[in-house]
Amino acid sequence: MALDPGLVESVKTLERSALLEVPAPVAYAVIVDVVRYPDFVVGCEQVDILQTTPDGLIAQVSVTGKGLHESFVTENTHQPFESVVMSLREGPFEVLEGRWQLTPLGDLGCRVNLRIDFVPKGFVARILSSFTDRIADRLVDSFSERILLEYQRLK
């Protein structure tokens, strides 16, 4: 991520990972199915795919929580069964970059890693600064639970 030098010190990073006893393609399928996020991600109200691209999509995400209602648009670049890179196109952030990385662990399953780098602006900055760790924990927990449910459904 190339940042304006003035923003480098302001970047907040959330990083979490989970070891899951599921094949990487199952985890990947849940991560790229963005329209289903409202079904299992707390605070995610709606996701609309604005455009599909040869290697991903552009989506508008609407979130609510703690008296906040915001929408933002991201461009998601997919590397099938390996990673999803998310880049902000518009929204209440100076910077919002994210990456899901899937690492197969043979017959054991896979490691799912999420890293989000962001610089919120305005009112969003005041709200987010107080509970960013909880957001990261809940996000990875929500995805882990959904991935495990999907794997059980497929068995």
C-alpha atoms as a PDB file:
ATOM      1  CA  MET A   1       0.000   0.000   0.000  1.00  0.00           C
ATOM      2  CA  ALA A   2       1.500   3.355  -1.041  1.00  0.00           C
ATOM      3  CA  LEU A   3       0.448   6.069   1.365  1.00  0.00           C
ATOM      4  CA  ASP A   4       0.727   9.798   1.476  1.00  0.00           C
ATOM      5  CA  PRO A   5       3.647  10.382   3.891  1.00  0.00           C
ATOM      6  CA  GLY A   6       1.374  12.542   6.062  1.00  0.00           C
ATOM      7  CA  LEU A   7      -0.981   9.610   6.644  1.00  0.00           C
ATOM      8  CA  VAL A   8       1.588   6.933   7.515  1.00  0.00           C
ATOM      9  CA  GLU A   9       1.555   7.708  11.250  1.00  0.00           C
ATOM     10  CA  SER A  10      -2.254   7.735  11.311  1.00  0.00           C
ATOM     11  CA  VAL A  11      -2.745   4.248   9.846  1.00  0.00           C
ATOM     12  CA  LYS A  12      -4.415   1.766  12.157  1.00  0.00           C
ATOM     13  CA  THR A  13      -3.872  -1.912  11.407  1.00  0.00           C
ATOM     14  CA  LEU A  14      -6.151  -4.750  12.389  1.00  0.00           C
ATOM     15  CA  GLU A  15      -4.794  -8.223  11.870  1.00  0.00           C
ATOM     16  CA  ARG A  16      -6.288 -11.510  12.959  1.00  0.00           C
ATOM     17  CA  SER A  17      -5.990 -15.098  11.845  1.00  0.00           C
ATOM     18  CA  ALA A  18      -7.737 -18.381  12.431  1.00  0.00           C
ATOM     19  CA  LEU A  19      -6.806 -22.005  11.845  1.00  0.00           C
ATOM     20  CA  LEU A  20      -9.789 -23.806  10.335  1.00  0.00           C
ATOM     21  CA  GLU A  21     -10.245 -27.503   9.647  1.00  0.00           C
ATOM     22  CA  VAL A  22     -11.690 -26.820   6.196  1.00  0.00           C
ATOM     23  CA  PRO A  23     -10.158 -26.755   2.713  1.00  0.00           C
ATOM     24  CA  ALA A  24      -9.046 -23.298   1.507  1.00  0.00           C
ATOM     25  CA  PRO A  25     -11.585 -23.309  -1.389  1.00  0.00           C
ATOM     26  CA  VAL A  26     -14.471 -23.492   1.126  1.00  0.00           C
ATOM     27  CA  ALA A  27     -13.109 -20.511   3.074  1.00  0.00           C
ATOM     28  CA  TYR A  28     -12.478 -18.613  -0.155  1.00  0.00           C
ATOM     29  CA  ALA A  29     -16.061 -19.183  -1.351  1.00  0.00           C
ATOM     30  CA  VAL A  30     -17.462 -17.610   1.832  1.00  0.00           C
ATOM     31  CA  ILE A  31     -15.087 -14.628   1.647  1.00  0.00           C
ATOM     32  CA  VAL A  32     -15.948 -13.774  -1.981  1.00  0.00           C
ATOM     33  CA  ASP A  33     -19.722 -14.182  -1.498  1.00  0.00           C
ATOM     34  CA  VAL A  34     -20.067 -10.554  -0.394  1.00  0.00           C
ATOM     35  CA  VAL A  35     -23.834 -10.279  -0.898  1.00  0.00           C
ATOM     36  CA  ARG A  36     -24.296 -12.769   1.961  1.00  0.00           C
ATOM     37  CA  TYR A  37     -22.257 -10.734   4.473  1.00  0.00           C
ATOM     38  CA  PRO A  38     -25.405  -9.207   6.043  1.00  0.00           C
ATOM     39  CA  ASP A  39     -26.502 -12.766   6.955  1.00  0.00           C
ATOM     40  CA  PHE A  40     -23.586 -13.243   9.352  1.00  0.00           C
ATOM     41  CA  VAL A  41     -21.461 -10.114   9.823  1.00  0.00           C
ATOM     42  CA  VAL A  42     -22.723  -8.032  12.742  1.00  0.00           C
ATOM     43  CA  GLY A  43     -23.352  -4.461  11.646  1.00  0.00           C
ATOM     44  CA  CYS A  44     -23.299  -5.209   7.920  1.00  0.00           C
ATOM     45  CA  GLU A  45     -26.683  -4.031   6.713  1.00  0.00           C
ATOM     46  CA  GLN A  46     -26.415  -4.465   2.951  1.00  0.00           C
ATOM     47  CA  VAL A  47     -23.913  -5.228   0.186  1.00  0.00           C
ATOM     48  CA  ASP A  48     -24.590  -4.365  -3.446  1.00  0.00           C
ATOM     49  CA  ILE A  49     -22.339  -5.468  -6.277  1.00  0.00           C
ATOM     50  CA  LEU A  50     -21.914  -2.409  -8.478  1.00  0.00           C
ATOM     51  CA  GLN A  51     -19.722  -4.061 -11.099  1.00  0.00           C
ATOM     52  CA  THR A  52     -17.977  -7.333 -11.757  1.00  0.00           C
ATOM     53  CA  THR A  53     -14.452  -7.181 -13.134  1.00  0.00           C
ATOM     54  CA  PRO A  54     -12.292  -9.856 -14.792  1.00  0.00           C
ATOM     55  CA  ASP A  55     -10.517 -10.485 -11.486  1.00  0.00           C
ATOM     56  CA  GLY A  56     -13.062  -9.442  -8.858  1.00  0.00           C
ATOM     57  CA  LEU A  57     -15.784  -6.922  -8.197  1.00  0.00           C
ATOM     58  CA  ILE A  58     -16.716  -3.467  -6.980  1.00  0.00           C
ATOM     59  CA  ALA A  59     -19.206  -3.407  -4.116  1.00  0.00           C
ATOM     60  CA  GLN A  60     -21.008  -0.901  -1.936  1.00  0.00           C
ATOM     61  CA  VAL A  61     -21.164  -1.924   1.715  1.00  0.00           C
ATOM     62  CA  SER A  62     -23.619  -0.336   4.182  1.00  0.00           C
ATOM     63  CA  VAL A  63     -22.829  -0.719   7.884  1.00  0.00           C
ATOM     64  CA  THR A  64     -24.576   0.310  11.090  1.00  0.00           C
ATOM     65  CA  GLY A  65     -23.629   0.273  14.735  1.00  0.00           C
ATOM     66  CA  LYS A  66     -22.968   2.508  17.739  1.00  0.00           C
ATOM     67  CA  GLY A  67     -25.270   5.164  16.259  1.00  0.00           C
ATOM     68  CA  LEU A  68     -23.333   5.116  13.006  1.00  0.00           C
ATOM     69  CA  HIS A  69     -24.737   4.471   9.532  1.00  0.00           C
ATOM     70  CA  GLU A  70     -22.190   4.615   6.725  1.00  0.00           C
ATOM     71  CA  SER A  71     -21.615   3.234   3.257  1.00  0.00           C
ATOM     72  CA  PHE A  72     -18.394   2.744   1.382  1.00  0.00           C
ATOM     73  CA  VAL A  73     -17.347   1.329  -1.968  1.00  0.00           C
ATOM     74  CA  THR A  74     -14.466  -1.106  -2.370  1.00  0.00           C
ATOM     75  CA  GLU A  75     -12.782  -2.779  -5.284  1.00  0.00           C
ATOM     76  CA  ASN A  76     -12.030  -6.403  -4.478  1.00  0.00           C
ATOM     77  CA  THR A  77      -9.370  -8.264  -6.437  1.00  0.00           C
ATOM     78  CA  HIS A  78      -9.588 -12.053  -6.263  1.00  0.00           C
ATOM     79  CA  GLN A  79      -6.745 -14.532  -6.521  1.00  0.00           C
ATOM     80  CA  PRO A  80      -8.827 -17.740  -6.532  1.00  0.00           C
ATOM     81  CA  PHE A  81      -8.430 -19.894  -3.423  1.00  0.00           C
ATOM     82  CA  GLU A  82      -5.484 -17.762  -2.205  1.00  0.00           C
ATOM     83  CA  SER A  83      -6.430 -14.168  -1.443  1.00  0.00           C
ATOM     84  CA  VAL A  84      -8.828 -11.268  -1.763  1.00  0.00           C
ATOM     85  CA  VAL A  85      -7.457  -7.717  -1.754  1.00  0.00           C
ATOM     86  CA  MET A  86      -9.847  -4.889  -0.927  1.00  0.00           C
ATOM     87  CA  SER A  87      -9.169  -1.230  -1.822  1.00  0.00           C
ATOM     88  CA  LEU A  88     -11.332   1.769  -0.985  1.00  0.00           C
ATOM     89  CA  ARG A  89     -12.925   3.606  -3.907  1.00  0.00           C
ATOM     90  CA  GLU A  90     -15.080   5.974  -1.821  1.00  0.00           C
ATOM     91  CA  GLY A  91     -16.294   6.331   1.713  1.00  0.00           C
ATOM     92  CA  PRO A  92     -15.627   7.669   5.211  1.00  0.00           C
ATOM     93  CA  PHE A  93     -11.927   6.769   5.248  1.00  0.00           C
ATOM     94  CA  GLU A  94      -8.753   8.459   4.119  1.00  0.00           C
ATOM     95  CA  VAL A  95      -7.374   4.944   3.622  1.00  0.00           C
ATOM     96  CA  LEU A  96      -9.005   1.512   3.693  1.00  0.00           C
ATOM     97  CA  GLU A  97      -6.997  -1.446   2.401  1.00  0.00           C
ATOM     98  CA  GLY A  98      -7.616  -5.042   3.341  1.00  0.00           C
ATOM     99  CA  ARG A  99      -6.373  -8.496   2.506  1.00  0.00           C
ATOM    100  CA  TRP A 100      -7.714 -11.967   3.171  1.00  0.00           C
ATOM    101  CA  GLN A 101      -4.913 -14.511   2.797  1.00  0.00           C
ATOM    102  CA  LEU A 102      -5.604 -18.256   2.726  1.00  0.00           C
ATOM    103  CA  THR A 103      -2.806 -20.706   3.425  1.00  0.00           C
ATOM    104  CA  PRO A 104      -3.579 -24.388   2.824  1.00  0.00           C
ATOM    105  CA  LEU A 105      -2.299 -26.711   5.563  1.00  0.00           C
ATOM    106  CA  GLY A 106      -2.636 -30.006   3.725  1.00  0.00           C
ATOM    107  CA  ASP A 107      -5.166 -32.369   5.255  1.00  0.00           C
ATOM    108  CA  LEU A 108      -5.363 -30.180   8.374  1.00  0.00           C
ATOM    109  CA  GLY A 109      -7.325 -27.383   6.692  1.00  0.00           C
ATOM    110  CA  CYS A 110      -6.162 -23.813   6.205  1.00  0.00           C
ATOM    111  CA  ARG A 111      -5.040 -20.639   7.924  1.00  0.00           C
ATOM    112  CA  VAL A 112      -7.240 -17.623   7.227  1.00  0.00           C
ATOM    113  CA  ASN A 113      -5.570 -14.266   7.819  1.00  0.00           C
ATOM    114  CA  LEU A 114      -7.267 -10.871   7.630  1.00  0.00           C
ATOM    115  CA  ARG A 115      -5.332  -7.609   7.629  1.00  0.00           C
ATOM    116  CA  ILE A 116      -7.013  -4.227   7.367  1.00  0.00           C
ATOM    117  CA  ASP A 117      -5.107  -0.927   7.233  1.00  0.00           C
ATOM    118  CA  PHE A 118      -7.241   2.163   7.610  1.00  0.00           C
ATOM    119  CA  VAL A 119      -7.343   5.845   8.403  1.00  0.00           C
ATOM    120  CA  PRO A 120     -10.882   6.949   9.259  1.00  0.00           C
ATOM    121  CA  LYS A 121     -11.934  10.540   8.787  1.00  0.00           C
ATOM    122  CA  GLY A 122     -14.380  12.815  10.588  1.00  0.00           C
ATOM    123  CA  PHE A 123     -17.039  11.373  12.882  1.00  0.00           C
ATOM    124  CA  VAL A 124     -16.117   7.820  11.885  1.00  0.00           C
ATOM    125  CA  ALA A 125     -12.629   8.319  13.348  1.00  0.00           C
ATOM    126  CA  ARG A 126     -14.011   9.140  16.791  1.00  0.00           C
ATOM    127  CA  ILE A 127     -16.403   6.172  16.767  1.00  0.00           C
ATOM    128  CA  LEU A 128     -13.948   3.569  15.431  1.00  0.00           C
ATOM    129  CA  SER A 129     -11.002   4.490  17.615  1.00  0.00           C
ATOM    130  CA  SER A 130     -12.712   3.180  20.753  1.00  0.00           C
ATOM    131  CA  PHE A 131     -13.472  -0.359  19.564  1.00  0.00           C
ATOM    132  CA  THR A 132     -11.245  -1.398  16.657  1.00  0.00           C
ATOM    133  CA  ASP A 133      -9.923  -4.529  18.394  1.00  0.00           C
ATOM    134  CA  ARG A 134     -13.447  -5.784  19.054  1.00  0.00           C
ATOM    135  CA  ILE A 135     -14.367  -5.179  15.413  1.00  0.00           C
ATOM    136  CA  ALA A 136     -11.426  -7.286  14.214  1.00  0.00           C
ATOM    137  CA  ASP A 137     -12.171 -10.099  16.671  1.00  0.00           C
ATOM    138  CA  ARG A 138     -15.869 -10.204  15.759  1.00  0.00           C
ATOM    139  CA  LEU A 139     -15.161 -10.050  12.048  1.00  0.00           C
ATOM    140  CA  VAL A 140     -12.805 -13.032  12.043  1.00  0.00           C
ATOM    141  CA  ASP A 141     -15.072 -14.937  14.457  1.00  0.00           C
ATOM    142  CA  SER A 142     -18.094 -14.311  12.204  1.00  0.00           C
ATOM    143  CA  PHE A 143     -16.277 -15.486   9.098  1.00  0.00           C
ATOM    144  CA  SER A 144     -14.802 -18.514  10.885  1.00  0.00           C
ATOM    145  CA  GLU A 145     -18.231 -19.613  12.091  1.00  0.00           C
ATOM    146  CA  ARG A 146     -19.759 -19.119   8.649  1.00  0.00           C
ATOM    147  CA  ILE A 147     -16.923 -21.010   6.933  1.00  0.00           C
ATOM    148  CA  LEU A 148     -17.329 -23.941   9.338  1.00  0.00           C
ATOM    149  CA  LEU A 149     -21.110 -23.968   8.792  1.00  0.00           C
ATOM    150  CA  GLU A 150     -20.624 -23.970   5.031  1.00  0.00           C
ATOM    151  CA  TYR A 151     -18.145 -26.832   5.275  1.00  0.00           C
ATOM    152  CA  GLN A 152     -20.604 -28.879   7.367  1.00  0.00           C
ATOM    153  CA  ARG A 153     -23.332 -28.166   4.800  1.00  0.00           C
ATOM    154  CA  LEU A 154     -21.117 -29.419   1.973  1.00  0.00           C
ATOM    155  CA  LYS A 155     -20.060 -32.648   3.706  1.00  0.00           C
END
